[in-house]
Amino acid sequence: MLTNSTLSDLLTTLFDSRAFGGRVADRRDIKEICRALLSETAETSGRQLATVILSRFRDLDADGKLSFFNFLNDDLDLDASEIVRMAQAYNADRSPENFCALAAASEPARGVVA
């Protein structure tokens, strides 16, 4: 399940974008746009992407909205088993490399989505 901060970051970015206004032409799928938003570092570009996501979300039917929230929960969630593996590796060998691997596995999707 998504952590509160990851979901909160995404929803805050999406709903704060209302002030940006207007429709932005973008032919990508809503999931692709979400991934782009999570990797975006420029505030203006992020707001444009958030505007597109909100626009697409508003146009979804009930099944589409459920699918979108399942995507947020399932595809953008942390990999708990990977975190456990990295924690076990760090517990066995407290090297800087193992610590970095654990920290990376524990990091929310924002800024690390390819």
C-alpha atoms as a PDB file:
ATOM      1  CA  MET A   1       0.000   0.000   0.000  1.00  0.00           C
ATOM      2  CA  LEU A   2       1.228   3.506  -0.732  1.00  0.00           C
ATOM      3  CA  THR A   3       2.724   5.363   2.166  1.00  0.00           C
ATOM      4  CA  ASN A   4       0.813   8.379   3.366  1.00  0.00           C
ATOM      5  CA  SER A   5       3.574  10.719   2.234  1.00  0.00           C
ATOM      6  CA  THR A   6       3.755   9.319  -1.309  1.00  0.00           C
ATOM      7  CA  LEU A   7      -0.003   9.418  -1.799  1.00  0.00           C
ATOM      8  CA  SER A   8      -0.150  12.778  -0.077  1.00  0.00           C
ATOM      9  CA  ASP A   9       2.601  14.189  -2.333  1.00  0.00           C
ATOM     10  CA  LEU A  10       0.824  12.987  -5.445  1.00  0.00           C
ATOM     11  CA  LEU A  11      -2.621  14.216  -4.391  1.00  0.00           C
ATOM     12  CA  THR A  12      -1.278  17.552  -3.145  1.00  0.00           C
ATOM     13  CA  THR A  13       0.465  18.126  -6.455  1.00  0.00           C
ATOM     14  CA  LEU A  14      -2.668  17.130  -8.339  1.00  0.00           C
ATOM     15  CA  PHE A  15      -5.146  19.219  -6.380  1.00  0.00           C
ATOM     16  CA  ASP A  16      -2.862  22.242  -6.028  1.00  0.00           C
ATOM     17  CA  SER A  17      -2.757  22.337  -9.808  1.00  0.00           C
ATOM     18  CA  ARG A  18      -6.297  23.726 -10.036  1.00  0.00           C
ATOM     19  CA  ALA A  19      -4.862  27.226  -9.975  1.00  0.00           C
ATOM     20  CA  PHE A  20      -2.757  26.373 -13.013  1.00  0.00           C
ATOM     21  CA  GLY A  21      -5.996  25.778 -14.915  1.00  0.00           C
ATOM     22  CA  GLY A  22      -6.819  24.852 -18.457  1.00  0.00           C
ATOM     23  CA  ARG A  23      -6.361  21.683 -20.441  1.00  0.00           C
ATOM     24  CA  VAL A  24      -2.919  20.709 -21.608  1.00  0.00           C
ATOM     25  CA  ALA A  25      -2.578  18.545 -24.714  1.00  0.00           C
ATOM     26  CA  ASP A  26      -0.801  15.306 -23.865  1.00  0.00           C
ATOM     27  CA  ARG A  27      -1.503  12.045 -25.684  1.00  0.00           C
ATOM     28  CA  ARG A  28       0.115   9.788 -23.090  1.00  0.00           C
ATOM     29  CA  ASP A  29      -1.883   7.385 -20.937  1.00  0.00           C
ATOM     30  CA  ILE A  30      -2.796   8.689 -17.457  1.00  0.00           C
ATOM     31  CA  LYS A  31      -0.436   6.135 -15.872  1.00  0.00           C
ATOM     32  CA  GLU A  32       2.475   7.322 -18.023  1.00  0.00           C
ATOM     33  CA  ILE A  33       1.707  10.908 -17.057  1.00  0.00           C
ATOM     34  CA  CYS A  34       1.674   9.946 -13.344  1.00  0.00           C
ATOM     35  CA  ARG A  35       5.088   8.334 -13.711  1.00  0.00           C
ATOM     36  CA  ALA A  36       6.349  11.441 -15.486  1.00  0.00           C
ATOM     37  CA  LEU A  37       4.941  13.634 -12.714  1.00  0.00           C
ATOM     38  CA  LEU A  38       6.727  11.602 -10.049  1.00  0.00           C
ATOM     39  CA  SER A  39      10.048  12.002 -11.829  1.00  0.00           C
ATOM     40  CA  GLU A  40       9.565  15.690 -12.674  1.00  0.00           C
ATOM     41  CA  THR A  41      11.723  18.206 -10.838  1.00  0.00           C
ATOM     42  CA  ALA A  42      10.518  21.446 -12.435  1.00  0.00           C
ATOM     43  CA  GLU A  43       7.515  22.890 -10.605  1.00  0.00           C
ATOM     44  CA  THR A  44       5.879  24.335 -13.726  1.00  0.00           C
ATOM     45  CA  SER A  45       6.173  21.097 -15.689  1.00  0.00           C
ATOM     46  CA  GLY A  46       4.874  19.188 -12.682  1.00  0.00           C
ATOM     47  CA  ARG A  47       1.852  21.461 -12.462  1.00  0.00           C
ATOM     48  CA  GLN A  48       1.164  21.004 -16.179  1.00  0.00           C
ATOM     49  CA  LEU A  49       1.322  17.227 -15.800  1.00  0.00           C
ATOM     50  CA  ALA A  50      -0.914  17.385 -12.728  1.00  0.00           C
ATOM     51  CA  THR A  51      -3.438  19.416 -14.717  1.00  0.00           C
ATOM     52  CA  VAL A  52      -3.501  16.743 -17.420  1.00  0.00           C
ATOM     53  CA  ILE A  53      -3.921  13.986 -14.807  1.00  0.00           C
ATOM     54  CA  LEU A  54      -6.837  15.803 -13.158  1.00  0.00           C
ATOM     55  CA  SER A  55      -8.456  16.385 -16.520  1.00  0.00           C
ATOM     56  CA  ARG A  56      -8.090  12.721 -17.480  1.00  0.00           C
ATOM     57  CA  PHE A  57      -9.290  11.575 -14.054  1.00  0.00           C
ATOM     58  CA  ARG A  58     -12.444  13.701 -14.321  1.00  0.00           C
ATOM     59  CA  ASP A  59     -13.233  12.015 -17.650  1.00  0.00           C
ATOM     60  CA  LEU A  60     -12.881   8.460 -16.266  1.00  0.00           C
ATOM     61  CA  ASP A  61     -15.954   6.358 -15.508  1.00  0.00           C
ATOM     62  CA  ALA A  62     -16.275   4.569 -12.140  1.00  0.00           C
ATOM     63  CA  ASP A  63     -14.295   1.522 -13.351  1.00  0.00           C
ATOM     64  CA  GLY A  64     -11.577   3.770 -14.773  1.00  0.00           C
ATOM     65  CA  LYS A  65     -11.293   5.658 -11.478  1.00  0.00           C
ATOM     66  CA  LEU A  66     -11.039   2.391  -9.558  1.00  0.00           C
ATOM     67  CA  SER A  67      -8.371   1.192 -11.995  1.00  0.00           C
ATOM     68  CA  PHE A  68      -6.471   4.463 -11.530  1.00  0.00           C
ATOM     69  CA  PHE A  69      -6.467   4.123  -7.733  1.00  0.00           C
ATOM     70  CA  ASN A  70      -5.409   0.474  -8.041  1.00  0.00           C
ATOM     71  CA  PHE A  71      -2.512   1.675 -10.220  1.00  0.00           C
ATOM     72  CA  LEU A  72      -1.509   4.212  -7.562  1.00  0.00           C
ATOM     73  CA  ASN A  73      -1.659   1.559  -4.861  1.00  0.00           C
ATOM     74  CA  ASP A  74      -0.179  -1.397  -6.723  1.00  0.00           C
ATOM     75  CA  ASP A  75       2.284   0.045  -9.226  1.00  0.00           C
ATOM     76  CA  LEU A  76       3.626   2.999  -7.254  1.00  0.00           C
ATOM     77  CA  ASP A  77       3.868   1.237  -3.900  1.00  0.00           C
ATOM     78  CA  LEU A  78       7.130   0.345  -2.201  1.00  0.00           C
ATOM     79  CA  ASP A  79       8.411  -3.208  -2.708  1.00  0.00           C
ATOM     80  CA  ALA A  80       8.171  -4.536   0.853  1.00  0.00           C
ATOM     81  CA  SER A  81      10.010  -7.781   0.098  1.00  0.00           C
ATOM     82  CA  GLU A  82      12.888  -5.802  -1.463  1.00  0.00           C
ATOM     83  CA  ILE A  83      13.050  -3.601   1.643  1.00  0.00           C
ATOM     84  CA  VAL A  84      13.190  -6.710   3.843  1.00  0.00           C
ATOM     85  CA  ARG A  85      15.995  -8.181   1.686  1.00  0.00           C
ATOM     86  CA  MET A  86      17.970  -4.936   1.841  1.00  0.00           C
ATOM     87  CA  ALA A  87      17.401  -4.642   5.612  1.00  0.00           C
ATOM     88  CA  GLN A  88      18.653  -8.200   6.099  1.00  0.00           C
ATOM     89  CA  ALA A  89      21.715  -7.480   3.968  1.00  0.00           C
ATOM     90  CA  TYR A  90      22.394  -4.321   5.967  1.00  0.00           C
ATOM     91  CA  ASN A  91      21.913  -6.200   9.238  1.00  0.00           C
ATOM     92  CA  ALA A  92      24.484  -8.791   8.115  1.00  0.00           C
ATOM     93  CA  ASP A  93      26.944  -6.209   6.760  1.00  0.00           C
ATOM     94  CA  ARG A  94      26.518  -2.571   7.791  1.00  0.00           C
ATOM     95  CA  SER A  95      28.447  -1.250   4.826  1.00  0.00           C
ATOM     96  CA  PRO A  96      27.687   2.098   3.209  1.00  0.00           C
ATOM     97  CA  GLU A  97      26.659   0.244   0.031  1.00  0.00           C
ATOM     98  CA  ASN A  98      24.095  -1.856   1.885  1.00  0.00           C
ATOM     99  CA  PHE A  99      22.799   1.217   3.690  1.00  0.00           C
ATOM    100  CA  CYS A 100      22.385   3.067   0.376  1.00  0.00           C
ATOM    101  CA  ALA A 101      20.582   0.061  -1.137  1.00  0.00           C
ATOM    102  CA  LEU A 102      18.225  -0.071   1.854  1.00  0.00           C
ATOM    103  CA  ALA A 103      17.581   3.661   1.696  1.00  0.00           C
ATOM    104  CA  ALA A 104      16.881   3.488  -2.046  1.00  0.00           C
ATOM    105  CA  ALA A 105      14.461   0.564  -1.626  1.00  0.00           C
ATOM    106  CA  SER A 106      12.658   2.490   1.118  1.00  0.00           C
ATOM    107  CA  GLU A 107      12.353   5.693  -0.869  1.00  0.00           C
ATOM    108  CA  PRO A 108       8.917   6.664  -2.180  1.00  0.00           C
ATOM    109  CA  ALA A 109       8.493   6.800  -5.940  1.00  0.00           C
ATOM    110  CA  ARG A 110       8.781  10.618  -6.167  1.00  0.00           C
ATOM    111  CA  GLY A 111      12.012  11.472  -7.941  1.00  0.00           C
ATOM    112  CA  VAL A 112      13.079   7.892  -8.586  1.00  0.00           C
ATOM    113  CA  VAL A 113      10.587   6.743 -11.215  1.00  0.00           C
ATOM    114  CA  ALA A 114      12.259   6.105 -14.556  1.00  0.00           C
END
